[in-house]
Protein backbone atom coordinates (compact mmCIF):
# COMPACT_ATOMS: atom_id res chain seq x y z
CA MET A 1 0.36 -11.57 -76.57
CA ASN A 2 -0.69 -12.06 -72.99
CA TRP A 3 -3.83 -10.08 -71.96
CA HIS A 4 -4.28 -8.60 -68.55
CA ARG A 5 -7.68 -7.48 -67.15
CA VAL A 6 -7.55 -3.86 -65.94
CA VAL A 7 -9.77 -1.86 -63.59
CA SER A 8 -11.50 0.71 -65.85
CA PRO A 9 -15.02 1.75 -66.81
CA ILE A 10 -13.80 1.99 -70.44
CA LEU A 11 -11.09 -0.53 -70.86
CA SER A 12 -11.27 -4.28 -70.29
CA HIS A 13 -7.77 -5.71 -71.11
CA VAL A 14 -4.32 -4.70 -72.15
CA GLY A 15 -1.59 -6.71 -73.78
CA TYR A 16 2.09 -6.17 -74.59
CA ASN A 17 4.59 -7.56 -77.04
CA LEU A 18 8.08 -6.91 -75.75
CA SER A 19 9.96 -7.81 -78.96
CA THR A 20 7.96 -5.27 -81.09
CA ARG A 21 7.16 -2.82 -78.25
CA THR A 22 3.50 -2.98 -79.22
CA LEU A 23 0.79 -2.31 -76.58
CA GLU A 24 -2.79 -3.33 -77.34
CA VAL A 25 -5.78 -1.93 -75.44
CA ARG A 26 -9.17 -3.72 -75.61
CA PHE A 27 -12.19 -1.57 -74.81
CA ASN A 28 -15.36 -2.73 -73.14
CA THR A 29 -16.99 -2.30 -76.55
CA GLY A 30 -14.74 -5.06 -77.99
CA SER A 31 -12.71 -2.69 -80.12
CA ILE A 32 -8.92 -2.78 -79.96
CA LYS A 33 -6.24 -0.15 -80.49
CA ARG A 34 -2.60 -0.95 -81.06
CA TYR A 35 0.11 1.53 -79.98
CA LEU A 36 3.52 1.33 -81.49
CA GLY A 37 6.90 1.92 -79.81
CA VAL A 38 5.69 1.76 -76.26
CA PRO A 39 8.36 1.10 -73.61
CA ARG A 40 7.81 -1.83 -71.29
CA SER A 41 7.78 0.60 -68.26
CA VAL A 42 4.69 2.36 -69.64
CA TYR A 43 2.91 -1.02 -69.93
CA ALA A 44 3.97 -2.07 -66.50
CA ALA A 45 2.56 1.24 -65.07
CA LEU A 46 -0.63 0.78 -67.04
CA ILE A 47 -1.41 -2.60 -65.46
CA GLY A 48 -0.54 -1.32 -61.97
CA VAL A 49 -2.60 1.82 -61.78
CA ASP A 50 -5.98 2.36 -60.06
CA SER A 51 -7.45 3.86 -63.20
CA ALA A 52 -6.19 2.38 -66.43
CA SER A 53 -8.46 4.58 -68.57
CA LEU A 54 -7.07 7.85 -67.05
CA TYR A 55 -3.48 6.60 -67.36
CA SER A 56 -4.02 5.56 -70.94
CA PHE A 57 -5.44 8.94 -71.80
CA ASP A 58 -2.72 10.92 -70.04
CA TRP A 59 0.42 8.87 -70.90
CA ILE A 60 -0.37 6.78 -73.97
CA GLU A 61 -3.07 8.17 -76.28
CA SER A 62 -1.28 11.28 -77.49
CA ARG A 63 2.27 10.04 -77.28
CA TYR A 64 2.45 6.96 -79.40
CA PRO A 65 1.33 6.15 -82.95
CA VAL A 66 -1.97 4.20 -82.95
CA VAL A 67 -3.62 1.76 -85.27
CA SER A 68 -7.21 0.68 -84.83
CA VAL A 69 -7.32 -3.09 -85.04
CA SER A 70 -11.10 -3.74 -84.75
C-alpha cells in the first residue's frame, strides 16, 4: 500500500489498495483505521481535497465498514 501525506489537523496519511478496495487512514496519533469496499474515486477525492479530515468524516466514516488496525 502506498501512503500519501494529506493536509489535515487530525489525519497524517492515507493509503489505498485497488485490488481489495481497502482505504487506510493514519491519524496524527499513530492509530490506523481500515475502511472496506471503498471505491477508488472516493480515495482520489480524499487525497485531492483541502481538508482531508472533513471529507473523511462526511464521505467515508459513516458509509463504509471500518476496522481499527492499531
